Amino acid sequence: MDRSQKRQITAALHEDLAATVCVVVTHQTGLSVDEVTQLRRQMRSAGARYRVTKNRLARRAIEGTPFASLAPLFTGPTAIAFSQDPVAAAKAAVEYANRNNKLTVIGGGLSGQPLDAAGIRALATLPSLDQLRSKIIGLINAPATKLARLLQTPAGQLARVLAAHAEQASREQARPEQASPEEAGPEQAAPEQAAPEQAAPEQAGAGDGA
């Protein structure tokens, strides 16, 4: 690989990481071509990407990105997973590592915040953005008991604020709108029509006095 190719690879990786929310750094030892292909397919299905990296180029690529602090992790046989979804890369990497001990999660970062291996595994237990959207849509038309059950799940801490907003929106949608004067029925319009009739005796009295 000549210098021009190295610069291109570094620039492309830098651009990817600058637009990434979640990065997972892994060690891969002895993965076959078929296993790597399967892992990449799984990553794409989850909305993430997987790349085997040369440590020196990777350390250059993360300079000037929110993940610059991850530079010390790039030692040994590293590969990275990354995604714009906050949890997609972590989910895919952890799920694969749980099935195949040739892949080891060693750390990563979320929106520039460094995470150790335990932090990445905890992140992998949270719902993805698509899953959160589905839950919020369900909450809009769901009773309060469903909200209570959701907040007891492992993802409750992350979903609590979003669920509160969804519950408030549900209450506002359920509140009946007050009918406008134009839409009021005959019974509602009756008091306004009665006012001229009540004034009639006073007008009659004034005429008698004259």
Protein backbone atom coordinates (compact mmCIF):
# COMPACT_ATOMS: atom_id res chain seq x y z
CA MET A 1 0.00 0.00 0.00
CA ASP A 2 1.55 3.29 -1.09
CA ARG A 3 1.20 6.66 0.61
CA SER A 4 -1.58 7.81 -1.68
CA GLN A 5 -3.70 4.78 -0.78
CA LYS A 6 -2.99 5.29 2.89
CA ARG A 7 -4.10 8.91 2.70
CA GLN A 8 -7.31 7.91 0.94
CA ILE A 9 -8.10 5.23 3.52
CA THR A 10 -7.36 7.61 6.40
CA ALA A 11 -9.46 10.40 4.90
CA ALA A 12 -12.41 8.07 4.25
CA LEU A 13 -12.31 6.66 7.78
CA HIS A 14 -11.98 10.15 9.25
CA GLU A 15 -15.06 11.26 7.34
CA ASP A 16 -17.03 8.22 8.51
CA LEU A 17 -16.10 8.67 12.17
CA ALA A 18 -16.78 12.40 12.12
CA ALA A 19 -20.40 11.63 11.22
CA THR A 20 -20.73 8.67 13.60
CA VAL A 21 -22.53 8.55 16.95
CA CYS A 22 -21.40 5.14 18.23
CA VAL A 23 -18.01 3.46 17.79
CA VAL A 24 -17.05 0.01 19.07
CA VAL A 25 -13.42 -1.10 19.05
CA THR A 26 -12.86 -4.84 18.90
CA HIS A 27 -10.06 -7.37 18.73
CA GLN A 28 -10.53 -10.12 16.16
CA THR A 29 -8.35 -13.19 16.34
CA GLY A 30 -8.57 -15.96 13.78
CA LEU A 31 -11.84 -14.96 12.11
CA SER A 32 -12.21 -16.73 8.77
CA VAL A 33 -13.25 -14.96 5.60
CA ASP A 34 -16.72 -16.48 5.92
CA GLU A 35 -17.01 -15.34 9.53
CA VAL A 36 -15.97 -11.79 8.67
CA THR A 37 -18.47 -11.77 5.79
CA GLN A 38 -21.21 -12.95 8.14
CA LEU A 39 -20.26 -10.29 10.70
CA ARG A 40 -20.35 -7.54 8.08
CA ARG A 41 -23.75 -8.75 6.89
CA GLN A 42 -25.04 -8.69 10.44
CA MET A 43 -23.69 -5.18 10.94
CA ARG A 44 -25.38 -3.89 7.79
CA SER A 45 -28.65 -5.50 8.82
CA ALA A 46 -28.46 -3.65 12.16
CA GLY A 47 -27.65 -0.31 10.50
CA ALA A 48 -23.94 -0.38 11.35
CA ARG A 49 -20.64 -0.86 9.52
CA TYR A 50 -17.60 -2.99 10.33
CA ARG A 51 -14.04 -2.33 9.21
CA VAL A 52 -10.73 -4.00 9.90
CA THR A 53 -8.27 -1.22 10.65
CA LYS A 54 -4.55 -0.65 10.63
CA ASN A 55 -3.83 0.89 14.01
CA ARG A 56 -1.53 3.64 12.79
CA LEU A 57 -4.03 4.75 10.14
CA ALA A 58 -6.94 4.50 12.56
CA ARG A 59 -5.20 6.71 15.12
CA ARG A 60 -4.64 9.31 12.42
CA ALA A 61 -8.22 9.01 11.20
CA ILE A 62 -9.79 9.71 14.59
CA GLU A 63 -7.78 12.90 15.09
CA GLY A 64 -10.15 15.85 15.03
CA THR A 65 -13.23 13.65 15.56
CA PRO A 66 -15.28 13.24 18.77
CA PHE A 67 -13.53 9.87 19.26
CA ALA A 68 -9.93 11.09 19.38
CA SER A 69 -9.67 9.89 23.00
CA LEU A 70 -10.02 6.27 21.80
CA ALA A 71 -6.52 6.29 20.26
CA PRO A 72 -4.98 4.12 23.06
CA LEU A 73 -7.41 1.29 22.18
CA PHE A 74 -5.87 0.83 18.74
CA THR A 75 -3.27 -1.79 19.56
CA GLY A 76 -3.27 -5.40 18.47
CA PRO A 77 -5.59 -6.94 15.85
CA THR A 78 -8.27 -4.25 15.91
CA ALA A 79 -11.44 -3.75 13.93
CA ILE A 80 -14.18 -1.20 14.51
CA ALA A 81 -17.94 -1.15 14.26
CA PHE A 82 -19.69 2.21 13.94
CA SER A 83 -23.17 3.57 13.38
CA GLN A 84 -25.20 6.76 13.41
CA ASP A 85 -27.78 4.97 15.55
CA PRO A 86 -26.63 5.32 19.20
CA VAL A 87 -26.79 1.58 19.91
CA ALA A 88 -26.77 -0.30 16.57
CA ALA A 89 -23.01 -0.92 16.41
CA ALA A 90 -22.86 -1.95 20.07
CA LYS A 91 -25.78 -4.36 19.69
CA ALA A 92 -24.38 -6.05 16.60
CA ALA A 93 -20.84 -6.32 17.99
CA VAL A 94 -21.90 -7.67 21.38
CA GLU A 95 -24.37 -10.16 19.88
CA TYR A 96 -21.70 -11.54 17.57
CA ALA A 97 -19.04 -11.62 20.29
CA ASN A 98 -21.41 -13.58 22.54
CA ARG A 99 -21.64 -16.28 19.85
CA ASN A 100 -18.05 -16.25 18.64
CA ASN A 101 -15.13 -15.84 21.04
CA LYS A 102 -12.84 -14.88 18.16
CA LEU A 103 -14.27 -11.36 18.47
CA THR A 104 -13.72 -9.40 21.69
CA VAL A 105 -15.20 -6.00 22.53
CA ILE A 106 -12.55 -3.86 24.20
CA GLY A 107 -14.23 -0.45 24.36
CA GLY A 108 -15.61 2.38 22.28
CA GLY A 109 -17.45 5.64 22.54
CA LEU A 110 -20.89 7.25 22.33
CA SER A 111 -21.12 10.80 20.98
CA GLY A 112 -17.52 11.39 22.00
CA GLN A 113 -17.91 9.90 25.49
CA PRO A 114 -15.39 7.04 25.98
CA LEU A 115 -16.82 3.71 27.13
CA ASP A 116 -15.06 0.61 28.39
CA ALA A 117 -16.11 -2.91 27.42
CA ALA A 118 -18.72 -3.03 30.19
CA GLY A 119 -20.15 0.28 29.01
CA ILE A 120 -20.49 -1.02 25.45
CA ARG A 121 -22.24 -4.15 26.72
CA ALA A 122 -24.63 -2.02 28.77
CA LEU A 123 -25.29 0.15 25.73
CA ALA A 124 -26.12 -2.96 23.71
CA THR A 125 -29.04 -3.76 26.04
CA LEU A 126 -30.85 -0.52 25.20
CA PRO A 127 -33.47 -0.28 22.44
CA SER A 128 -32.47 1.13 19.07
CA LEU A 129 -33.95 4.37 17.75
CA ASP A 130 -36.41 2.41 15.61
CA GLN A 131 -37.49 0.38 18.63
CA LEU A 132 -37.92 3.55 20.70
CA ARG A 133 -40.01 5.15 17.97
CA SER A 134 -42.27 2.10 17.87
CA LYS A 135 -42.70 2.18 21.64
CA ILE A 136 -43.54 5.89 21.63
CA ILE A 137 -46.13 5.40 18.90
CA GLY A 138 -47.66 2.62 20.98
CA LEU A 139 -47.69 4.82 24.06
CA ILE A 140 -49.71 7.53 22.35
CA ASN A 141 -52.72 5.24 22.29
CA ALA A 142 -51.85 3.06 25.27
CA PRO A 143 -53.16 3.15 28.88
CA ALA A 144 -50.99 4.25 31.77
CA THR A 145 -50.35 0.61 32.75
CA LYS A 146 -48.36 0.06 29.58
CA LEU A 147 -46.25 3.12 30.37
CA ALA A 148 -45.55 1.74 33.84
CA ARG A 149 -44.44 -1.59 32.40
CA LEU A 150 -42.13 0.14 29.92
CA LEU A 151 -40.43 2.14 32.65
CA GLN A 152 -39.62 -1.10 34.49
CA THR A 153 -37.65 -2.50 31.55
CA PRO A 154 -33.82 -2.20 31.39
CA ALA A 155 -34.25 0.56 28.82
CA GLY A 156 -36.54 2.55 31.08
CA GLN A 157 -33.94 5.07 32.14
CA LEU A 158 -33.30 6.09 28.56
CA ALA A 159 -36.97 5.96 27.54
CA ARG A 160 -38.40 7.80 30.58
CA VAL A 161 -38.11 11.32 29.21
CA LEU A 162 -39.40 10.31 25.79
CA ALA A 163 -42.27 8.37 27.34
CA ALA A 164 -43.27 11.34 29.48
CA HIS A 165 -43.56 13.54 26.42
CA ALA A 166 -45.57 10.85 24.66
CA GLU A 167 -47.95 10.55 27.63
CA GLN A 168 -48.48 14.31 27.68
CA ALA A 169 -49.22 14.29 23.95
CA SER A 170 -51.70 11.48 24.51
CA ARG A 171 -53.57 13.50 27.17
CA GLU A 172 -53.72 16.53 24.93
CA GLN A 173 -55.13 14.50 22.07
CA ALA A 174 -57.73 12.89 24.34
CA ARG A 175 -58.98 16.24 25.72
CA PRO A 176 -62.34 17.15 24.04
CA GLU A 177 -62.32 20.40 22.11
CA GLN A 178 -64.83 23.04 23.11
CA ALA A 179 -67.43 23.72 20.47
CA SER A 180 -67.22 27.11 18.81
CA PRO A 181 -70.30 29.42 18.80
CA GLU A 182 -70.87 28.58 15.15
CA GLU A 183 -70.93 24.85 15.99
CA ALA A 184 -73.16 25.17 19.07
CA GLY A 185 -76.50 23.34 18.90
CA PRO A 186 -79.97 24.88 19.40
CA GLU A 187 -79.85 24.29 23.15
CA GLN A 188 -76.53 26.14 23.50
CA ALA A 189 -77.69 28.99 21.30
CA ALA A 190 -80.98 29.50 23.24
CA PRO A 191 -79.61 31.80 26.01
CA GLU A 192 -78.18 34.20 23.44
CA GLN A 193 -81.48 34.31 21.55
CA ALA A 194 -83.46 34.98 24.74
CA ALA A 195 -81.67 38.24 25.51
CA PRO A 196 -83.73 40.44 23.10
CA GLU A 197 -87.02 39.04 24.48
CA GLN A 198 -86.07 40.00 28.06
CA ALA A 199 -85.47 43.56 26.98
CA ALA A 200 -88.96 43.88 25.48
CA PRO A 201 -90.82 44.84 28.74
CA GLU A 202 -88.37 47.63 29.42
CA GLN A 203 -88.94 49.03 26.00
CA ALA A 204 -92.70 48.77 26.51
CA GLY A 205 -92.49 50.57 29.83
CA ALA A 206 -90.57 53.41 28.32
CA GLY A 207 -93.26 53.85 25.73
CA ASP A 208 -96.07 53.99 28.34
CA GLY A 209 -94.26 56.64 30.29
CA ALA A 210 -94.13 58.81 27.21
